[in-house]
């Protein structure tokens, strides 16, 4: 039986995957001018620590390894995040805690380092933060899209990485334009924390 945390994870991660895929489609259709994507988690983002279209299942919790739906979502994101990293109009920040890379297996570290060195990934930024931990309420991902009409669309979520899927975690998300004060408040929280940890981003 899935835990409460796992049940919440299903729609949130699917939404995240769909949103990342939509960024690429909207860029190609000219509906957005640019995008900033920030993955702010304990370890480097799981999709970029696995080969394109593949997963190292030995590093995943049992509940993930036996769930075809979640495995497919994770495999899809290994492809989508690489596509994002190759878009000239996208800044993709992989921000993780101090020492977070060492929490990955040697194989995962090698894959991630290869992606960082890959010249095709023109929008990919590797950022090891100075902070040793990320508060639960700030662990997740944040996306800011500059729309063709001048508005900014905002999506942010809190949640655990797949390796921590069995741990208790409340998933939350924010989705609206930055004209909504609650969206701006969330963005300020994320950017201020990152700035305190050594990463300053202008959006």
N, C-alpha and C. Protein backbone atom coordinates (compact mmCIF):
# COMPACT_ATOMS: atom_id res chain seq x y z
N UNK A 1 0.84 -1.19 0.00
CA UNK A 1 0.00 0.00 0.00
C UNK A 1 0.88 1.25 0.00
N UNK A 2 0.50 2.24 -0.81
CA UNK A 2 1.26 3.48 -0.86
C UNK A 2 1.00 4.34 0.37
N UNK A 3 2.05 5.00 0.83
CA UNK A 3 1.90 5.91 1.96
C UNK A 3 1.23 7.19 1.48
N UNK A 4 0.82 8.04 2.46
CA UNK A 4 0.21 9.33 2.11
C UNK A 4 1.16 10.15 1.27
N UNK A 5 2.44 10.15 1.64
CA UNK A 5 3.43 10.92 0.90
C UNK A 5 3.54 10.44 -0.54
N UNK A 6 3.52 9.13 -0.74
CA UNK A 6 3.63 8.57 -2.08
C UNK A 6 2.39 8.88 -2.91
N UNK A 7 1.23 8.86 -2.29
CA UNK A 7 -0.01 9.17 -3.01
C UNK A 7 0.00 10.62 -3.49
N UNK A 8 0.55 11.51 -2.66
CA UNK A 8 0.63 12.91 -3.05
C UNK A 8 1.67 13.11 -4.14
N UNK A 9 2.70 12.28 -4.13
CA UNK A 9 3.78 12.44 -5.09
C UNK A 9 3.33 12.16 -6.52
N UNK A 10 2.42 11.23 -6.70
CA UNK A 10 2.01 10.81 -8.04
C UNK A 10 1.53 11.96 -8.91
N UNK A 11 0.48 12.72 -8.50
CA UNK A 11 0.02 13.81 -9.36
C UNK A 11 1.02 14.95 -9.47
N UNK A 12 1.77 15.24 -8.39
CA UNK A 12 2.70 16.36 -8.42
C UNK A 12 3.84 16.12 -9.40
N UNK A 13 4.42 14.93 -9.38
CA UNK A 13 5.53 14.63 -10.28
C UNK A 13 5.05 14.54 -11.72
N UNK A 14 3.85 13.99 -11.92
CA UNK A 14 3.28 13.95 -13.27
C UNK A 14 3.05 15.37 -13.79
N UNK A 15 2.56 16.26 -12.92
CA UNK A 15 2.35 17.64 -13.30
C UNK A 15 3.68 18.30 -13.65
N UNK A 16 4.70 18.01 -12.86
CA UNK A 16 6.03 18.57 -13.12
C UNK A 16 6.55 18.11 -14.48
N UNK A 17 6.42 16.84 -14.77
CA UNK A 17 6.86 16.32 -16.06
C UNK A 17 6.10 17.01 -17.21
N UNK A 18 4.78 17.10 -17.06
CA UNK A 18 3.96 17.72 -18.10
C UNK A 18 4.32 19.19 -18.29
N UNK A 19 4.60 19.88 -17.19
CA UNK A 19 4.95 21.29 -17.28
C UNK A 19 6.28 21.47 -18.00
N UNK A 20 7.26 20.63 -17.68
CA UNK A 20 8.55 20.72 -18.36
C UNK A 20 8.41 20.45 -19.85
N UNK A 21 7.57 19.49 -20.20
CA UNK A 21 7.34 19.20 -21.62
C UNK A 21 6.64 20.38 -22.30
N UNK A 22 5.74 21.04 -21.57
CA UNK A 22 5.01 22.18 -22.12
C UNK A 22 5.93 23.37 -22.37
N UNK A 23 6.94 23.54 -21.53
CA UNK A 23 7.90 24.64 -21.72
C UNK A 23 8.54 24.53 -23.11
N UNK A 24 8.97 23.33 -23.45
CA UNK A 24 9.63 23.11 -24.74
C UNK A 24 8.66 23.39 -25.89
N UNK A 25 7.44 22.89 -25.77
CA UNK A 25 6.45 23.10 -26.83
C UNK A 25 6.13 24.58 -26.99
N UNK A 26 5.96 25.29 -25.88
CA UNK A 26 5.61 26.71 -25.95
C UNK A 26 6.76 27.55 -26.50
N UNK A 27 7.99 27.16 -26.19
CA UNK A 27 9.15 27.85 -26.76
C UNK A 27 9.16 27.72 -28.27
N UNK A 28 8.94 26.50 -28.75
CA UNK A 28 9.00 26.24 -30.18
C UNK A 28 7.85 26.92 -30.93
N UNK A 29 6.73 27.14 -30.24
CA UNK A 29 5.58 27.80 -30.86
C UNK A 29 5.62 29.31 -30.68
N UNK A 30 6.61 29.82 -29.96
CA UNK A 30 6.75 31.24 -29.75
C UNK A 30 5.82 31.82 -28.71
N UNK A 31 5.22 30.98 -27.89
CA UNK A 31 4.29 31.46 -26.87
C UNK A 31 5.02 31.99 -25.64
N UNK A 32 6.26 31.56 -25.43
CA UNK A 32 7.07 32.12 -24.35
C UNK A 32 8.42 32.54 -24.93
N UNK A 33 8.98 33.60 -24.34
CA UNK A 33 10.25 34.13 -24.82
C UNK A 33 11.44 33.43 -24.19
N UNK A 34 11.30 33.11 -22.92
CA UNK A 34 12.40 32.47 -22.19
C UNK A 34 11.87 31.80 -20.94
N UNK A 35 12.70 30.96 -20.34
CA UNK A 35 12.28 30.25 -19.14
C UNK A 35 13.47 30.08 -18.20
N UNK A 36 13.17 30.18 -16.92
CA UNK A 36 14.16 29.87 -15.88
C UNK A 36 13.61 28.70 -15.07
N UNK A 37 14.38 27.63 -15.00
CA UNK A 37 13.98 26.45 -14.23
C UNK A 37 15.05 26.19 -13.17
N UNK A 38 14.60 26.07 -11.93
CA UNK A 38 15.53 25.86 -10.82
C UNK A 38 15.12 24.59 -10.07
N UNK A 39 15.99 23.61 -10.06
CA UNK A 39 15.76 22.42 -9.25
C UNK A 39 16.57 22.60 -7.97
N UNK A 40 15.91 22.80 -6.86
CA UNK A 40 16.59 23.09 -5.59
C UNK A 40 16.30 21.95 -4.61
N UNK A 41 17.25 21.02 -4.56
CA UNK A 41 17.08 19.78 -3.81
C UNK A 41 18.36 19.39 -3.08
N UNK A 42 18.26 18.38 -2.25
CA UNK A 42 19.40 17.94 -1.45
C UNK A 42 20.55 17.44 -2.32
N UNK A 43 20.22 16.63 -3.35
CA UNK A 43 21.21 16.07 -4.27
C UNK A 43 20.94 16.58 -5.67
N UNK A 44 21.91 16.48 -6.59
CA UNK A 44 21.63 16.86 -7.97
C UNK A 44 20.41 16.12 -8.51
N UNK A 45 19.69 16.77 -9.41
CA UNK A 45 18.42 16.26 -9.92
C UNK A 45 18.54 14.82 -10.46
N UNK A 46 17.64 13.97 -10.01
CA UNK A 46 17.66 12.56 -10.38
C UNK A 46 17.69 12.32 -11.89
N UNK A 47 16.88 13.03 -12.71
CA UNK A 47 16.89 12.76 -14.15
C UNK A 47 18.26 12.92 -14.81
N UNK A 48 19.07 13.86 -14.31
CA UNK A 48 20.38 14.09 -14.90
C UNK A 48 21.47 13.23 -14.27
N UNK A 49 21.09 12.39 -13.32
CA UNK A 49 22.02 11.43 -12.72
C UNK A 49 21.77 10.03 -13.25
N UNK A 50 20.89 9.94 -14.26
CA UNK A 50 20.59 8.68 -14.94
C UNK A 50 20.74 8.90 -16.44
N UNK A 51 21.06 7.84 -17.16
CA UNK A 51 21.21 7.95 -18.60
C UNK A 51 19.88 8.32 -19.26
N UNK A 52 19.96 8.92 -20.41
CA UNK A 52 18.78 9.35 -21.15
C UNK A 52 17.87 8.16 -21.44
N UNK A 53 16.63 8.22 -20.90
CA UNK A 53 15.66 7.16 -21.10
C UNK A 53 15.88 5.93 -20.26
N UNK A 54 16.80 6.02 -19.28
CA UNK A 54 17.11 4.86 -18.44
C UNK A 54 17.09 5.25 -16.97
N UNK A 55 17.03 4.23 -16.10
CA UNK A 55 17.09 4.45 -14.66
C UNK A 55 17.98 3.39 -14.02
N UNK A 56 18.79 3.82 -13.08
CA UNK A 56 19.56 2.87 -12.27
C UNK A 56 18.66 2.44 -11.11
N UNK A 57 17.92 1.36 -11.32
CA UNK A 57 16.88 0.98 -10.37
C UNK A 57 17.44 0.55 -9.02
N UNK A 58 18.72 0.18 -8.97
CA UNK A 58 19.30 -0.24 -7.69
C UNK A 58 19.40 0.91 -6.70
N UNK A 59 19.29 2.17 -7.19
CA UNK A 59 19.36 3.33 -6.29
C UNK A 59 17.97 3.81 -5.88
N UNK A 60 16.92 3.13 -6.37
CA UNK A 60 15.55 3.57 -6.10
C UNK A 60 14.92 2.75 -4.99
N UNK A 61 14.00 3.35 -4.22
CA UNK A 61 13.26 2.60 -3.20
C UNK A 61 12.43 1.49 -3.84
N UNK A 62 12.15 0.46 -3.10
CA UNK A 62 11.36 -0.66 -3.59
C UNK A 62 10.01 -0.22 -4.13
N UNK A 63 9.38 0.75 -3.46
CA UNK A 63 8.05 1.21 -3.88
C UNK A 63 8.09 1.84 -5.27
N UNK A 64 9.22 2.40 -5.66
CA UNK A 64 9.36 2.98 -7.00
C UNK A 64 9.66 1.89 -8.02
N UNK A 65 10.55 0.97 -7.67
CA UNK A 65 10.97 -0.08 -8.60
C UNK A 65 9.81 -0.96 -9.04
N UNK A 66 8.78 -1.06 -8.21
CA UNK A 66 7.66 -1.95 -8.53
C UNK A 66 6.44 -1.19 -9.06
N UNK A 67 6.63 0.09 -9.38
CA UNK A 67 5.52 0.91 -9.84
C UNK A 67 5.78 1.37 -11.28
N UNK A 68 5.20 0.71 -12.28
CA UNK A 68 5.46 1.05 -13.69
C UNK A 68 5.14 2.50 -14.03
N UNK A 69 4.09 3.05 -13.42
CA UNK A 69 3.70 4.42 -13.74
C UNK A 69 4.77 5.42 -13.32
N UNK A 70 5.26 5.26 -12.10
CA UNK A 70 6.28 6.20 -11.64
C UNK A 70 7.61 5.99 -12.35
N UNK A 71 7.93 4.75 -12.69
CA UNK A 71 9.15 4.49 -13.45
C UNK A 71 9.09 5.19 -14.81
N UNK A 72 7.92 5.13 -15.45
CA UNK A 72 7.77 5.78 -16.75
C UNK A 72 7.93 7.29 -16.61
N UNK A 73 7.33 7.87 -15.57
CA UNK A 73 7.44 9.31 -15.36
C UNK A 73 8.90 9.72 -15.18
N UNK A 74 9.64 8.95 -14.40
CA UNK A 74 11.04 9.25 -14.15
C UNK A 74 11.87 9.12 -15.42
N UNK A 75 11.61 8.08 -16.20
CA UNK A 75 12.33 7.90 -17.46
C UNK A 75 12.03 9.03 -18.43
N UNK A 76 10.77 9.45 -18.47
CA UNK A 76 10.39 10.57 -19.33
C UNK A 76 11.16 11.83 -18.96
N UNK A 77 11.32 12.06 -17.66
CA UNK A 77 12.00 13.28 -17.22
C UNK A 77 13.50 13.24 -17.52
N UNK A 78 14.10 12.05 -17.64
CA UNK A 78 15.51 12.00 -18.05
C UNK A 78 15.67 12.56 -19.46
N UNK A 79 14.64 12.42 -20.27
CA UNK A 79 14.67 12.95 -21.63
C UNK A 79 14.30 14.43 -21.66
N UNK A 80 13.22 14.77 -20.95
CA UNK A 80 12.72 16.14 -20.98
C UNK A 80 13.73 17.13 -20.40
N UNK A 81 14.38 16.78 -19.31
CA UNK A 81 15.33 17.71 -18.71
C UNK A 81 16.54 17.93 -19.60
N UNK A 82 16.93 16.93 -20.34
CA UNK A 82 18.03 17.11 -21.29
C UNK A 82 17.62 18.02 -22.44
N UNK A 83 16.37 17.91 -22.87
CA UNK A 83 15.88 18.81 -23.91
C UNK A 83 15.86 20.25 -23.41
N UNK A 84 15.44 20.43 -22.15
CA UNK A 84 15.45 21.77 -21.56
C UNK A 84 16.86 22.34 -21.51
N UNK A 85 17.81 21.49 -21.12
CA UNK A 85 19.20 21.93 -20.98
C UNK A 85 19.79 22.39 -22.30
N UNK A 86 19.22 21.94 -23.41
CA UNK A 86 19.76 22.26 -24.74
C UNK A 86 19.08 23.46 -25.39
N UNK A 87 18.08 24.03 -24.71
CA UNK A 87 17.37 25.18 -25.25
C UNK A 87 18.12 26.47 -24.92
N UNK A 88 18.38 27.29 -25.94
CA UNK A 88 19.11 28.53 -25.73
C UNK A 88 18.33 29.53 -24.88
N UNK A 89 17.00 29.44 -24.93
CA UNK A 89 16.17 30.40 -24.19
C UNK A 89 15.86 29.93 -22.76
N UNK A 90 16.49 28.83 -22.34
CA UNK A 90 16.24 28.28 -21.01
C UNK A 90 17.50 28.35 -20.16
N UNK A 91 17.33 28.79 -18.92
CA UNK A 91 18.38 28.66 -17.90
C UNK A 91 17.91 27.60 -16.92
N UNK A 92 18.61 26.47 -16.92
CA UNK A 92 18.26 25.35 -16.05
C UNK A 92 19.31 25.23 -14.95
N UNK A 93 18.92 25.61 -13.74
CA UNK A 93 19.84 25.56 -12.60
C UNK A 93 19.61 24.28 -11.81
N UNK A 94 20.68 23.51 -11.63
CA UNK A 94 20.63 22.33 -10.76
C UNK A 94 21.35 22.73 -9.48
N UNK A 95 20.59 23.15 -8.49
CA UNK A 95 21.14 23.66 -7.23
C UNK A 95 20.94 22.62 -6.14
N UNK A 96 22.02 22.25 -5.47
CA UNK A 96 21.95 21.21 -4.44
C UNK A 96 22.84 21.58 -3.27
N UNK A 97 22.63 20.91 -2.17
CA UNK A 97 23.32 21.26 -0.93
C UNK A 97 24.83 20.99 -1.01
N UNK A 98 25.55 21.64 -0.13
CA UNK A 98 26.99 21.43 -0.04
C UNK A 98 27.26 19.95 0.29
N UNK A 99 28.00 19.29 -0.58
CA UNK A 99 28.26 17.86 -0.38
C UNK A 99 27.18 16.97 -0.96
N UNK A 100 26.17 17.57 -1.60
CA UNK A 100 25.06 16.79 -2.11
C UNK A 100 25.44 15.82 -3.22
N UNK A 101 26.42 16.19 -4.04
CA UNK A 101 26.84 15.30 -5.12
C UNK A 101 27.40 13.99 -4.57
N UNK A 102 28.09 14.07 -3.44
CA UNK A 102 28.69 12.88 -2.84
C UNK A 102 27.65 11.91 -2.27
N UNK A 103 26.40 12.38 -2.17
CA UNK A 103 25.31 11.51 -1.71
C UNK A 103 24.78 10.63 -2.84
N UNK A 104 25.26 10.89 -4.05
CA UNK A 104 24.92 10.06 -5.20
C UNK A 104 25.94 8.93 -5.32
N UNK A 105 25.56 7.86 -6.00
CA UNK A 105 26.50 6.77 -6.24
C UNK A 105 27.58 7.24 -7.21
N UNK A 106 28.68 6.51 -7.30
CA UNK A 106 29.75 6.89 -8.21
C UNK A 106 29.25 6.92 -9.65
N UNK A 107 28.40 5.98 -10.00
CA UNK A 107 27.83 5.94 -11.35
C UNK A 107 27.00 7.18 -11.62
N UNK A 108 26.14 7.54 -10.66
CA UNK A 108 25.29 8.72 -10.82
C UNK A 108 26.12 9.99 -10.91
N UNK A 109 27.15 10.08 -10.08
CA UNK A 109 28.04 11.25 -10.13
C UNK A 109 28.69 11.38 -11.51
N UNK A 110 29.13 10.25 -12.06
CA UNK A 110 29.77 10.27 -13.36
C UNK A 110 28.83 10.73 -14.46
N UNK A 111 27.58 10.26 -14.42
CA UNK A 111 26.58 10.65 -15.42
C UNK A 111 26.31 12.14 -15.32
N UNK A 112 26.14 12.63 -14.10
CA UNK A 112 25.85 14.05 -13.91
C UNK A 112 27.01 14.91 -14.40
N UNK A 113 28.22 14.53 -14.08
CA UNK A 113 29.39 15.30 -14.51
C UNK A 113 29.51 15.31 -16.03
N UNK A 114 29.15 14.19 -16.67
CA UNK A 114 29.16 14.14 -18.14
C UNK A 114 28.17 15.14 -18.73
N UNK A 115 27.00 15.26 -18.09
CA UNK A 115 26.00 16.21 -18.58
C UNK A 115 26.49 17.65 -18.43
N UNK A 116 27.16 17.93 -17.33
CA UNK A 116 27.68 19.27 -17.10
C UNK A 116 28.72 19.63 -18.16
N UNK A 117 29.52 18.66 -18.56
CA UNK A 117 30.58 18.91 -19.55
C UNK A 117 30.07 18.89 -20.99
N UNK A 118 28.85 18.38 -21.19
CA UNK A 118 28.30 18.25 -22.53
C UNK A 118 28.02 19.64 -23.12
N UNK A 119 28.69 19.98 -24.22
CA UNK A 119 28.56 21.31 -24.81
C UNK A 119 27.17 21.56 -25.39
N UNK A 120 26.41 20.51 -25.60
CA UNK A 120 25.05 20.70 -26.12
C UNK A 120 24.14 21.31 -25.06
N UNK A 121 24.50 21.14 -23.80
CA UNK A 121 23.66 21.63 -22.69
C UNK A 121 23.97 23.10 -22.42
N UNK A 122 23.59 23.95 -23.36
CA UNK A 122 23.96 25.37 -23.30
C UNK A 122 23.29 26.13 -22.15
N UNK A 123 22.16 25.62 -21.67
CA UNK A 123 21.44 26.33 -20.61
C UNK A 123 21.60 25.72 -19.23
N UNK A 124 22.48 24.72 -19.10
CA UNK A 124 22.60 23.97 -17.85
C UNK A 124 23.61 24.62 -16.92
N UNK A 125 23.20 24.85 -15.66
CA UNK A 125 24.07 25.46 -14.66
C UNK A 125 24.18 24.53 -13.45
N UNK A 126 25.39 24.13 -13.14
CA UNK A 126 25.67 23.27 -11.99
C UNK A 126 26.01 24.15 -10.80
N UNK A 127 25.21 24.06 -9.73
CA UNK A 127 25.41 24.95 -8.58
C UNK A 127 25.40 24.14 -7.28
N UNK A 128 26.58 24.01 -6.68
CA UNK A 128 26.65 23.44 -5.33
C UNK A 128 26.51 24.60 -4.35
N UNK A 129 25.44 24.59 -3.59
CA UNK A 129 25.16 25.66 -2.63
C UNK A 129 26.12 25.59 -1.44
N UNK A 130 26.24 26.69 -0.73
CA UNK A 130 27.08 26.70 0.47
C UNK A 130 26.35 26.12 1.67
N UNK A 131 25.03 26.02 1.59
CA UNK A 131 24.23 25.51 2.70
C UNK A 131 24.28 23.98 2.77
N UNK A 132 24.36 23.42 3.99
CA UNK A 132 24.41 21.96 4.12
C UNK A 132 23.05 21.28 4.04
N UNK A 133 21.98 22.05 4.06
CA UNK A 133 20.64 21.46 4.03
C UNK A 133 19.66 22.45 3.43
N UNK A 134 18.55 21.92 2.92
CA UNK A 134 17.46 22.74 2.39
C UNK A 134 16.22 22.46 3.23
N UNK A 135 15.58 23.48 3.76
CA UNK A 135 14.35 23.25 4.53
C UNK A 135 13.31 22.52 3.69
N UNK A 136 12.52 21.67 4.31
CA UNK A 136 11.52 20.89 3.58
C UNK A 136 10.61 21.77 2.74
N UNK A 137 10.22 22.91 3.28
CA UNK A 137 9.28 23.79 2.56
C UNK A 137 9.91 24.44 1.33
N UNK A 138 11.23 24.34 1.21
CA UNK A 138 11.91 24.95 0.07
C UNK A 138 12.56 23.92 -0.84
N UNK A 139 12.40 22.66 -0.53
CA UNK A 139 12.97 21.59 -1.36
C UNK A 139 12.01 21.27 -2.49
N UNK A 140 12.49 21.38 -3.73
CA UNK A 140 11.61 21.09 -4.85
C UNK A 140 12.10 21.71 -6.14
N UNK A 141 11.22 22.40 -6.84
CA UNK A 141 11.56 23.01 -8.12
C UNK A 141 10.73 24.26 -8.35
N UNK A 142 11.29 25.19 -9.12
CA UNK A 142 10.61 26.45 -9.41
C UNK A 142 10.85 26.82 -10.88
N UNK A 143 9.79 27.27 -11.55
CA UNK A 143 9.86 27.62 -12.97
C UNK A 143 9.23 28.99 -13.18
N UNK A 144 9.92 29.85 -13.93
CA UNK A 144 9.40 31.16 -14.29
C UNK A 144 9.45 31.29 -15.81
N UNK A 145 8.31 31.51 -16.43
CA UNK A 145 8.23 31.62 -17.88
C UNK A 145 7.88 33.04 -18.27
N UNK A 146 8.67 33.62 -19.15
CA UNK A 146 8.39 34.95 -19.70
C UNK A 146 7.50 34.77 -20.92
N UNK A 147 6.25 35.16 -20.81
CA UNK A 147 5.30 34.96 -21.90
C UNK A 147 5.45 36.02 -22.98
N UNK A 148 4.98 35.69 -24.17
CA UNK A 148 5.09 36.61 -25.30
C UNK A 148 4.33 37.90 -25.06
N UNK A 149 3.27 37.86 -24.23
CA UNK A 149 2.47 39.06 -23.98
C UNK A 149 3.02 39.93 -22.85
N UNK A 150 4.17 39.52 -22.29
CA UNK A 150 4.81 40.32 -21.25
C UNK A 150 4.59 39.82 -19.84
N UNK A 151 3.59 38.98 -19.61
CA UNK A 151 3.37 38.42 -18.28
C UNK A 151 4.40 37.33 -17.96
N UNK A 152 4.46 36.93 -16.69
CA UNK A 152 5.33 35.83 -16.27
C UNK A 152 4.48 34.76 -15.60
N UNK A 153 4.60 33.55 -16.10
CA UNK A 153 3.89 32.41 -15.53
C UNK A 153 4.80 31.72 -14.54
N UNK A 154 4.23 31.32 -13.40
CA UNK A 154 5.02 30.79 -12.30
C UNK A 154 4.49 29.43 -11.86
N UNK A 155 5.41 28.49 -11.69
CA UNK A 155 5.07 27.17 -11.15
C UNK A 155 6.16 26.76 -10.18
N UNK A 156 5.77 26.37 -8.98
CA UNK A 156 6.74 25.92 -7.98
C UNK A 156 6.14 24.78 -7.18
N UNK A 157 6.98 23.89 -6.74
CA UNK A 157 6.48 22.77 -5.93
C UNK A 157 7.48 22.42 -4.84
N UNK A 158 6.96 21.88 -3.76
CA UNK A 158 7.81 21.29 -2.73
C UNK A 158 7.57 19.80 -2.74
N UNK A 159 8.61 19.05 -2.47
CA UNK A 159 8.48 17.61 -2.44
C UNK A 159 9.83 16.95 -2.27
N UNK A 160 9.81 15.65 -2.05
CA UNK A 160 11.04 14.90 -1.84
C UNK A 160 11.58 14.38 -3.15
N UNK A 161 12.89 14.10 -3.18
CA UNK A 161 13.47 13.43 -4.33
C UNK A 161 13.06 11.97 -4.30
N UNK A 162 13.20 11.31 -5.44
CA UNK A 162 12.69 9.95 -5.56
C UNK A 162 13.37 9.01 -4.56
N UNK A 163 14.62 9.26 -4.23
CA UNK A 163 15.32 8.39 -3.27
C UNK A 163 14.72 8.47 -1.88
N UNK A 164 13.98 9.56 -1.61
CA UNK A 164 13.36 9.76 -0.31
C UNK A 164 11.85 9.55 -0.35
N UNK A 165 11.39 8.86 -1.39
CA UNK A 165 9.94 8.73 -1.61
C UNK A 165 9.23 8.04 -0.46
N UNK A 166 9.92 7.19 0.27
CA UNK A 166 9.28 6.46 1.37
C UNK A 166 9.19 7.29 2.65
N UNK A 167 9.83 8.45 2.66
CA UNK A 167 9.80 9.30 3.85
C UNK A 167 8.58 10.21 3.81
N UNK A 168 8.12 10.63 4.97
CA UNK A 168 6.96 11.50 5.05
C UNK A 168 7.31 12.89 4.50
N UNK A 169 6.47 13.36 3.58
CA UNK A 169 6.71 14.66 2.97
C UNK A 169 5.39 15.20 2.46
N UNK A 170 5.07 16.42 2.83
CA UNK A 170 3.87 17.07 2.31
C UNK A 170 4.21 17.78 1.01
N UNK A 171 3.48 17.42 -0.05
CA UNK A 171 3.70 18.03 -1.35
C UNK A 171 2.78 19.23 -1.51
N UNK A 172 3.34 20.34 -1.97
CA UNK A 172 2.57 21.55 -2.23
C UNK A 172 2.98 22.10 -3.59
N UNK A 173 2.07 22.84 -4.23
CA UNK A 173 2.48 23.52 -5.45
C UNK A 173 1.76 24.84 -5.63
N UNK A 174 2.40 25.74 -6.40
CA UNK A 174 1.90 27.07 -6.71
C UNK A 174 1.88 27.20 -8.23
N UNK A 175 0.79 27.72 -8.77
CA UNK A 175 0.69 27.84 -10.23
C UNK A 175 -0.21 29.01 -10.59
N UNK A 176 0.39 30.06 -11.16
CA UNK A 176 -0.37 31.24 -11.58
C UNK A 176 0.62 32.23 -12.19
N UNK A 177 0.14 33.40 -12.58
CA UNK A 177 1.05 34.44 -13.03
C UNK A 177 1.64 35.12 -11.79
N UNK A 178 2.75 35.83 -12.01
CA UNK A 178 3.39 36.53 -10.90
C UNK A 178 2.63 37.77 -10.46
N UNK A 179 1.51 38.06 -11.12
CA UNK A 179 0.63 39.13 -10.65
C UNK A 179 -0.06 38.73 -9.35
N UNK A 180 -0.14 37.43 -9.11
CA UNK A 180 -0.73 36.91 -7.88
C UNK A 180 0.29 37.07 -6.75
N UNK A 181 -0.04 37.83 -5.69
CA UNK A 181 0.92 38.07 -4.60
C UNK A 181 1.44 36.78 -3.95
N UNK A 182 0.62 35.73 -3.91
CA UNK A 182 1.08 34.48 -3.30
C UNK A 182 2.19 33.85 -4.13
N UNK A 183 2.13 34.00 -5.46
CA UNK A 183 3.18 33.47 -6.31
C UNK A 183 4.48 34.26 -6.10
N UNK A 184 4.35 35.57 -6.03
CA UNK A 184 5.53 36.40 -5.82
C UNK A 184 6.16 36.11 -4.46
N UNK A 185 5.33 35.88 -3.46
CA UNK A 185 5.83 35.56 -2.13
C UNK A 185 6.64 34.27 -2.16
N UNK A 186 6.11 33.25 -2.83
CA UNK A 186 6.83 31.98 -2.93
C UNK A 186 8.15 32.16 -3.69
N UNK A 187 8.11 32.91 -4.79
CA UNK A 187 9.32 33.14 -5.56
C UNK A 187 10.38 33.84 -4.72
N UNK A 188 9.97 34.84 -3.97
CA UNK A 188 10.90 35.57 -3.12
C UNK A 188 11.53 34.65 -2.07
N UNK A 189 10.72 33.76 -1.50
CA UNK A 189 11.24 32.82 -0.51
C UNK A 189 12.34 31.94 -1.11
N UNK A 190 12.07 31.41 -2.29
CA UNK A 190 13.04 30.53 -2.96
C UNK A 190 14.31 31.30 -3.31
N UNK A 191 14.15 32.46 -3.98
CA UNK A 191 15.32 33.21 -4.43
C UNK A 191 16.14 33.76 -3.27
N UNK A 192 15.48 34.18 -2.21
CA UNK A 192 16.22 34.70 -1.04
C UNK A 192 17.02 33.60 -0.37
N UNK A 193 16.43 32.39 -0.27
CA UNK A 193 17.17 31.28 0.32
C UNK A 193 18.39 30.94 -0.54
N UNK A 194 18.19 30.84 -1.84
CA UNK A 194 19.30 30.51 -2.74
C UNK A 194 20.39 31.58 -2.67
N UNK A 195 19.99 32.84 -2.58
CA UNK A 195 20.97 33.92 -2.49
C UNK A 195 21.80 33.80 -1.21
N UNK A 196 21.13 33.46 -0.11
CA UNK A 196 21.84 33.27 1.16
C UNK A 196 22.83 32.11 1.07
N UNK A 197 22.57 31.18 0.15
CA UNK A 197 23.43 30.00 0.00
C UNK A 197 24.42 30.14 -1.17
N UNK A 198 24.49 31.36 -1.74
CA UNK A 198 25.51 31.62 -2.74
C UNK A 198 25.07 31.70 -4.18
N UNK A 199 23.77 31.54 -4.45
CA UNK A 199 23.28 31.60 -5.83
C UNK A 199 22.32 32.76 -6.00
N UNK A 200 22.71 33.74 -6.79
CA UNK A 200 21.85 34.90 -7.05
C UNK A 200 21.31 34.80 -8.47
N UNK A 201 19.97 34.79 -8.58
CA UNK A 201 19.32 34.66 -9.88
C UNK A 201 18.40 35.85 -10.11
N UNK A 202 18.54 36.47 -11.26
CA UNK A 202 17.66 37.57 -11.65
C UNK A 202 16.61 37.04 -12.62
N UNK A 203 15.34 37.26 -12.32
CA UNK A 203 14.27 36.78 -13.20
C UNK A 203 13.35 37.95 -13.57
